[in-house]
Amino acid sequence: MSQGTLTHPHKVSTARRVAAGAPRARRIAIEADSSVASRALLNQDGKLWIEHGGERYLLRRTANDRLILTK
């Protein structure tokens, strides 16, 4: 997996979105005691793909407004 690209078949790399004139990806500064609202991280479908240690995880909001992280 190369850095800066997404391998999910339904996602487009940030570089390609920016080149096509789409908005840039969100950036959030994280400090030791930072807190971020989930709505700032999740997309309109209530999902966020996370890459960690060479693996992909999906953080999603459930119908009961809870968060679930799956591999």
PDB file of N, CA and C in Angstrom:
ATOM      1  N   MET A   1       0.841  -1.182   0.000  1.00  0.00           N
ATOM      2  CA  MET A   1       0.000   0.000   0.000  1.00  0.00           C
ATOM      3  C   MET A   1       0.882   1.240   0.000  1.00  0.00           C
ATOM      4  N   SER A   2       0.714   2.115  -0.948  1.00  0.00           N
ATOM      5  CA  SER A   2       1.534   3.312  -0.991  1.00  0.00           C
ATOM      6  C   SER A   2       0.899   4.414  -0.156  1.00  0.00           C
ATOM      7  N   GLN A   3       1.729   5.250   0.398  1.00  0.00           N
ATOM      8  CA  GLN A   3       1.236   6.340   1.239  1.00  0.00           C
ATOM      9  C   GLN A   3       0.517   7.372   0.381  1.00  0.00           C
ATOM     10  N   GLY A   4      -0.609   7.893   0.896  1.00  0.00           N
ATOM     11  CA  GLY A   4      -1.325   8.935   0.196  1.00  0.00           C
ATOM     12  C   GLY A   4      -2.414   8.422  -0.731  1.00  0.00           C
ATOM     13  N   THR A   5      -2.537   7.102  -0.859  1.00  0.00           N
ATOM     14  CA  THR A   5      -3.597   6.563  -1.698  1.00  0.00           C
ATOM     15  C   THR A   5      -4.478   5.644  -0.884  1.00  0.00           C
ATOM     16  N   LEU A   6      -5.714   5.519  -1.305  1.00  0.00           N
ATOM     17  CA  LEU A   6      -6.658   4.617  -0.669  1.00  0.00           C
ATOM     18  C   LEU A   6      -6.834   3.416  -1.571  1.00  0.00           C
ATOM     19  N   THR A   7      -6.867   2.221  -0.994  1.00  0.00           N
ATOM     20  CA  THR A   7      -6.986   1.025  -1.808  1.00  0.00           C
ATOM     21  C   THR A   7      -8.406   0.505  -1.861  1.00  0.00           C
ATOM     22  N   HIS A   8      -9.302   1.101  -1.121  1.00  0.00           N
ATOM     23  CA  HIS A   8     -10.694   0.665  -1.146  1.00  0.00           C
ATOM     24  C   HIS A   8     -11.242   0.922  -2.545  1.00  0.00           C
ATOM     25  N   PRO A   9     -11.911  -0.067  -3.162  1.00  0.00           N
ATOM     26  CA  PRO A   9     -12.346   0.089  -4.550  1.00  0.00           C
ATOM     27  C   PRO A   9     -13.350   1.215  -4.776  1.00  0.00           C
ATOM     28  N   HIS A  10     -14.059   1.645  -3.753  1.00  0.00           N
ATOM     29  CA  HIS A  10     -15.058   2.686  -3.923  1.00  0.00           C
ATOM     30  C   HIS A  10     -14.549   4.058  -3.516  1.00  0.00           C
ATOM     31  N   LYS A  11     -13.276   4.164  -3.204  1.00  0.00           N
ATOM     32  CA  LYS A  11     -12.693   5.433  -2.787  1.00  0.00           C
ATOM     33  C   LYS A  11     -11.729   5.929  -3.854  1.00  0.00           C
ATOM     34  N   VAL A  12     -11.530   7.227  -3.906  1.00  0.00           N
ATOM     35  CA  VAL A  12     -10.594   7.844  -4.835  1.00  0.00           C
ATOM     36  C   VAL A  12      -9.503   8.493  -4.018  1.00  0.00           C
ATOM     37  N   SER A  13      -8.255   8.413  -4.458  1.00  0.00           N
ATOM     38  CA  SER A  13      -7.157   8.982  -3.690  1.00  0.00           C
ATOM     39  C   SER A  13      -7.329  10.488  -3.534  1.00  0.00           C
ATOM     40  N   THR A  14      -6.821  11.005  -2.436  1.00  0.00           N
ATOM     41  CA  THR A  14      -6.894  12.436  -2.166  1.00  0.00           C
ATOM     42  C   THR A  14      -6.230  13.215  -3.292  1.00  0.00           C
ATOM     43  N   ALA A  15      -5.090  12.735  -3.776  1.00  0.00           N
ATOM     44  CA  ALA A  15      -4.370  13.436  -4.835  1.00  0.00           C
ATOM     45  C   ALA A  15      -5.234  13.549  -6.090  1.00  0.00           C
ATOM     46  N   ARG A  16      -5.954  12.496  -6.444  1.00  0.00           N
ATOM     47  CA  ARG A  16      -6.801  12.544  -7.633  1.00  0.00           C
ATOM     48  C   ARG A  16      -7.991  13.464  -7.420  1.00  0.00           C
ATOM     49  N   ARG A  17      -8.577  13.493  -6.203  1.00  0.00           N
ATOM     50  CA  ARG A  17      -9.697  14.397  -5.932  1.00  0.00           C
ATOM     51  C   ARG A  17      -9.250  15.843  -6.041  1.00  0.00           C
ATOM     52  N   VAL A  18      -8.077  16.162  -5.475  1.00  0.00           N
ATOM     53  CA  VAL A  18      -7.574  17.537  -5.511  1.00  0.00           C
ATOM     54  C   VAL A  18      -7.265  17.922  -6.949  1.00  0.00           C
ATOM     55  N   ALA A  19      -6.647  17.014  -7.707  1.00  0.00           N
ATOM     56  CA  ALA A  19      -6.318  17.301  -9.098  1.00  0.00           C
ATOM     57  C   ALA A  19      -7.577  17.553  -9.912  1.00  0.00           C
ATOM     58  N   ALA A  20      -8.671  16.902  -9.563  1.00  0.00           N
ATOM     59  CA  ALA A  20      -9.922  17.069 -10.295  1.00  0.00           C
ATOM     60  C   ALA A  20     -10.684  18.313  -9.854  1.00  0.00           C
ATOM     61  N   GLY A  21     -10.150  19.054  -8.890  1.00  0.00           N
ATOM     62  CA  GLY A  21     -10.783  20.279  -8.449  1.00  0.00           C
ATOM     63  C   GLY A  21     -11.728  20.087  -7.270  1.00  0.00           C
ATOM     64  N   ALA A  22     -11.770  18.897  -6.695  1.00  0.00           N
ATOM     65  CA  ALA A  22     -12.618  18.640  -5.534  1.00  0.00           C
ATOM     66  C   ALA A  22     -11.970  19.255  -4.297  1.00  0.00           C
ATOM     67  N   PRO A  23     -12.742  19.447  -3.222  1.00  0.00           N
ATOM     68  CA  PRO A  23     -12.179  20.027  -2.004  1.00  0.00           C
ATOM     69  C   PRO A  23     -11.049  19.171  -1.434  1.00  0.00           C
ATOM     70  N   ARG A  24     -10.127  19.822  -0.758  1.00  0.00           N
ATOM     71  CA  ARG A  24      -9.012  19.104  -0.116  1.00  0.00           C
ATOM     72  C   ARG A  24      -9.504  18.309   1.078  1.00  0.00           C
ATOM     73  N   ALA A  25      -8.751  17.294   1.452  1.00  0.00           N
ATOM     74  CA  ALA A  25      -9.087  16.474   2.613  1.00  0.00           C
ATOM     75  C   ALA A  25      -9.014  17.321   3.877  1.00  0.00           C
ATOM     76  N   ARG A  26      -9.847  16.972   4.874  1.00  0.00           N
ATOM     77  CA  ARG A  26      -9.821  17.691   6.146  1.00  0.00           C
ATOM     78  C   ARG A  26      -8.554  17.339   6.917  1.00  0.00           C
ATOM     79  N   ARG A  27      -8.015  18.300   7.616  1.00  0.00           N
ATOM     80  CA  ARG A  27      -6.861  18.067   8.489  1.00  0.00           C
ATOM     81  C   ARG A  27      -7.236  18.511   9.890  1.00  0.00           C
ATOM     82  N   ILE A  28      -6.923  17.686  10.869  1.00  0.00           N
ATOM     83  CA  ILE A  28      -7.240  17.986  12.254  1.00  0.00           C
ATOM     84  C   ILE A  28      -5.968  17.829  13.078  1.00  0.00           C
ATOM     85  N   ALA A  29      -5.594  18.868  13.803  1.00  0.00           N
ATOM     86  CA  ALA A  29      -4.430  18.799  14.683  1.00  0.00           C
ATOM     87  C   ALA A  29      -4.816  18.036  15.943  1.00  0.00           C
ATOM     88  N   ILE A  30      -3.996  17.049  16.312  1.00  0.00           N
ATOM     89  CA  ILE A  30      -4.290  16.235  17.477  1.00  0.00           C
ATOM     90  C   ILE A  30      -3.174  16.413  18.504  1.00  0.00           C
ATOM     91  N   GLU A  31      -3.560  16.789  19.693  1.00  0.00           N
ATOM     92  CA  GLU A  31      -2.618  16.933  20.798  1.00  0.00           C
ATOM     93  C   GLU A  31      -2.928  15.864  21.827  1.00  0.00           C
ATOM     94  N   ALA A  32      -2.126  15.775  22.869  1.00  0.00           N
ATOM     95  CA  ALA A  32      -2.279  14.727  23.886  1.00  0.00           C
ATOM     96  C   ALA A  32      -3.667  14.708  24.513  1.00  0.00           C
ATOM     97  N   ASP A  33      -4.282  15.871  24.701  1.00  0.00           N
ATOM     98  CA  ASP A  33      -5.600  15.925  25.346  1.00  0.00           C
ATOM     99  C   ASP A  33      -6.696  16.390  24.385  1.00  0.00           C
ATOM    100  N   SER A  34      -6.489  16.152  23.084  1.00  0.00           N
ATOM    101  CA  SER A  34      -7.457  16.586  22.082  1.00  0.00           C
ATOM    102  C   SER A  34      -8.755  15.793  22.161  1.00  0.00           C
ATOM    103  N   SER A  35      -9.818  16.453  21.773  1.00  0.00           N
ATOM    104  CA  SER A  35     -11.125  15.818  21.643  1.00  0.00           C
ATOM    105  C   SER A  35     -11.721  16.305  20.326  1.00  0.00           C
ATOM    106  N   VAL A  36     -12.237  15.380  19.521  1.00  0.00           N
ATOM    107  CA  VAL A  36     -12.789  15.720  18.220  1.00  0.00           C
ATOM    108  C   VAL A  36     -14.195  15.149  18.127  1.00  0.00           C
ATOM    109  N   ALA A  37     -15.136  15.965  17.692  1.00  0.00           N
ATOM    110  CA  ALA A  37     -16.511  15.491  17.513  1.00  0.00           C
ATOM    111  C   ALA A  37     -16.546  14.482  16.373  1.00  0.00           C
ATOM    112  N   SER A  38     -17.280  13.392  16.550  1.00  0.00           N
ATOM    113  CA  SER A  38     -17.344  12.353  15.529  1.00  0.00           C
ATOM    114  C   SER A  38     -17.863  12.899  14.209  1.00  0.00           C
ATOM    115  N   ARG A  39     -18.750  13.882  14.253  1.00  0.00           N
ATOM    116  CA  ARG A  39     -19.291  14.440  13.009  1.00  0.00           C
ATOM    117  C   ARG A  39     -18.206  15.116  12.179  1.00  0.00           C
ATOM    118  N   ALA A  40     -17.095  15.534  12.819  1.00  0.00           N
ATOM    119  CA  ALA A  40     -15.986  16.141  12.088  1.00  0.00           C
ATOM    120  C   ALA A  40     -15.149  15.082  11.377  1.00  0.00           C
ATOM    121  N   LEU A  41     -15.253  13.833  11.794  1.00  0.00           N
ATOM    122  CA  LEU A  41     -14.452  12.759  11.214  1.00  0.00           C
ATOM    123  C   LEU A  41     -15.215  11.894  10.222  1.00  0.00           C
ATOM    124  N   LEU A  42     -16.482  11.632  10.504  1.00  0.00           N
ATOM    125  CA  LEU A  42     -17.258  10.712   9.681  1.00  0.00           C
ATOM    126  C   LEU A  42     -17.790  11.401   8.435  1.00  0.00           C
ATOM    127  N   ASN A  43     -17.906  10.642   7.338  1.00  0.00           N
ATOM    128  CA  ASN A  43     -18.464  11.217   6.111  1.00  0.00           C
ATOM    129  C   ASN A  43     -19.984  11.258   6.187  1.00  0.00           C
ATOM    130  N   GLN A  44     -20.642  11.646   5.105  1.00  0.00           N
ATOM    131  CA  GLN A  44     -22.099  11.785   5.117  1.00  0.00           C
ATOM    132  C   GLN A  44     -22.810  10.458   5.370  1.00  0.00           C
ATOM    133  N   ASP A  45     -22.136   9.341   5.128  1.00  0.00           N
ATOM    134  CA  ASP A  45     -22.708   8.023   5.400  1.00  0.00           C
ATOM    135  C   ASP A  45     -22.408   7.547   6.820  1.00  0.00           C
ATOM    136  N   GLY A  46     -21.707   8.374   7.597  1.00  0.00           N
ATOM    137  CA  GLY A  46     -21.358   8.002   8.969  1.00  0.00           C
ATOM    138  C   GLY A  46     -20.218   7.009   9.047  1.00  0.00           C
ATOM    139  N   LYS A  47     -19.268   7.086   8.093  1.00  0.00           N
ATOM    140  CA  LYS A  47     -18.161   6.132   8.038  1.00  0.00           C
ATOM    141  C   LYS A  47     -16.815   6.834   7.903  1.00  0.00           C
ATOM    142  N   LEU A  48     -15.776   6.172   8.415  1.00  0.00           N
ATOM    143  CA  LEU A  48     -14.401   6.650   8.258  1.00  0.00           C
ATOM    144  C   LEU A  48     -13.495   5.436   8.132  1.00  0.00           C
ATOM    145  N   TRP A  49     -12.741   5.324   7.044  1.00  0.00           N
ATOM    146  CA  TRP A  49     -11.745   4.272   6.881  1.00  0.00           C
ATOM    147  C   TRP A  49     -10.458   4.735   7.551  1.00  0.00           C
ATOM    148  N   ILE A  50      -9.856   3.857   8.345  1.00  0.00           N
ATOM    149  CA  ILE A  50      -8.616   4.162   9.068  1.00  0.00           C
ATOM    150  C   ILE A  50      -7.570   3.132   8.677  1.00  0.00           C
ATOM    151  N   GLU A  51      -6.375   3.597   8.311  1.00  0.00           N
ATOM    152  CA  GLU A  51      -5.266   2.696   8.037  1.00  0.00           C
ATOM    153  C   GLU A  51      -4.339   2.708   9.237  1.00  0.00           C
ATOM    154  N   HIS A  52      -4.010   1.507   9.735  1.00  0.00           N
ATOM    155  CA  HIS A  52      -3.156   1.383  10.917  1.00  0.00           C
ATOM    156  C   HIS A  52      -2.354   0.103  10.811  1.00  0.00           C
ATOM    157  N   GLY A  53      -1.043   0.220  10.869  1.00  0.00           N
ATOM    158  CA  GLY A  53      -0.179  -0.960  10.852  1.00  0.00           C
ATOM    159  C   GLY A  53      -0.375  -1.832   9.624  1.00  0.00           C
ATOM    160  N   GLY A  54      -0.642  -1.210   8.485  1.00  0.00           N
ATOM    161  CA  GLY A  54      -0.821  -1.970   7.255  1.00  0.00           C
ATOM    162  C   GLY A  54      -2.196  -2.606   7.117  1.00  0.00           C
ATOM    163  N   GLU A  55      -3.083  -2.352   8.046  1.00  0.00           N
ATOM    164  CA  GLU A  55      -4.450  -2.900   8.014  1.00  0.00           C
ATOM    165  C   GLU A  55      -5.449  -1.763   7.859  1.00  0.00           C
ATOM    166  N   ARG A  56      -6.631  -2.077   7.332  1.00  0.00           N
ATOM    167  CA  ARG A  56      -7.705  -1.084   7.186  1.00  0.00           C
ATOM    168  C   ARG A  56      -8.832  -1.405   8.150  1.00  0.00           C
ATOM    169  N   TYR A  57      -9.328  -0.380   8.813  1.00  0.00           N
ATOM    170  CA  TYR A  57     -10.426  -0.512   9.763  1.00  0.00           C
ATOM    171  C   TYR A  57     -11.530   0.451   9.353  1.00  0.00           C
ATOM    172  N   LEU A  58     -12.760   0.095   9.687  1.00  0.00           N
ATOM    173  CA  LEU A  58     -13.897   0.949   9.400  1.00  0.00           C
ATOM    174  C   LEU A  58     -14.524   1.398  10.709  1.00  0.00           C
ATOM    175  N   LEU A  59     -14.552   2.708  10.926  1.00  0.00           N
ATOM    176  CA  LEU A  59     -15.261   3.292  12.057  1.00  0.00           C
ATOM    177  C   LEU A  59     -16.592   3.780  11.507  1.00  0.00           C
ATOM    178  N   ARG A  60     -17.698   3.300  12.081  1.00  0.00           N
ATOM    179  CA  ARG A  60     -18.997   3.705  11.559  1.00  0.00           C
ATOM    180  C   ARG A  60     -19.980   3.988  12.679  1.00  0.00           C
ATOM    181  N   ARG A  61     -20.933   4.864  12.361  1.00  0.00           N
ATOM    182  CA  ARG A  61     -22.006   5.200  13.290  1.00  0.00           C
ATOM    183  C   ARG A  61     -23.152   4.227  13.029  1.00  0.00           C
ATOM    184  N   THR A  62     -23.716   3.669  14.090  1.00  0.00           N
ATOM    185  CA  THR A  62     -24.815   2.714  13.943  1.00  0.00           C
ATOM    186  C   THR A  62     -26.154   3.447  13.923  1.00  0.00           C
ATOM    187  N   ALA A  63     -27.221   2.695  13.665  1.00  0.00           N
ATOM    188  CA  ALA A  63     -28.574   3.255  13.664  1.00  0.00           C
ATOM    189  C   ALA A  63     -28.945   3.766  15.063  1.00  0.00           C
ATOM    190  N   ASN A  64     -28.312   3.219  16.108  1.00  0.00           N
ATOM    191  CA  ASN A  64     -28.560   3.641  17.492  1.00  0.00           C
ATOM    192  C   ASN A  64     -27.633   4.759  17.930  1.00  0.00           C
ATOM    193  N   ASP A  65     -26.935   5.386  16.968  1.00  0.00           N
ATOM    194  CA  ASP A  65     -26.017   6.490  17.216  1.00  0.00           C
ATOM    195  C   ASP A  65     -24.847   6.110  18.119  1.00  0.00           C
ATOM    196  N   ARG A  66     -24.349   4.897  17.929  1.00  0.00           N
ATOM    197  CA  ARG A  66     -23.138   4.438  18.611  1.00  0.00           C
ATOM    198  C   ARG A  66     -22.037   4.273  17.569  1.00  0.00           C
ATOM    199  N   LEU A  67     -20.802   4.124  18.011  1.00  0.00           N
ATOM    200  CA  LEU A  67     -19.687   3.930  17.093  1.00  0.00           C
ATOM    201  C   LEU A  67     -19.168   2.506  17.190  1.00  0.00           C
ATOM    202  N   ILE A  68     -18.847   1.917  16.027  1.00  0.00           N
ATOM    203  CA  ILE A  68     -18.276   0.575  15.976  1.00  0.00           C
ATOM    204  C   ILE A  68     -17.031   0.619  15.084  1.00  0.00           C
ATOM    205  N   LEU A  69     -15.944   0.002  15.562  1.00  0.00           N
ATOM    206  CA  LEU A  69     -14.718  -0.113  14.793  1.00  0.00           C
ATOM    207  C   LEU A  69     -14.561  -1.572  14.392  1.00  0.00           C
ATOM    208  N   THR A  70     -14.488  -1.853  13.090  1.00  0.00           N
ATOM    209  CA  THR A  70     -14.321  -3.232  12.605  1.00  0.00           C
ATOM    210  C   THR A  70     -13.137  -3.313  11.667  1.00  0.00           C
ATOM    211  N   LYS A  71     -12.569  -4.506  11.588  1.00  0.00           N
ATOM    212  CA  LYS A  71     -11.421  -4.764  10.712  1.00  0.00           C
ATOM    213  C   LYS A  71     -11.918  -5.257   9.378  1.00  0.00           C
TER     214      LYS A  71
END
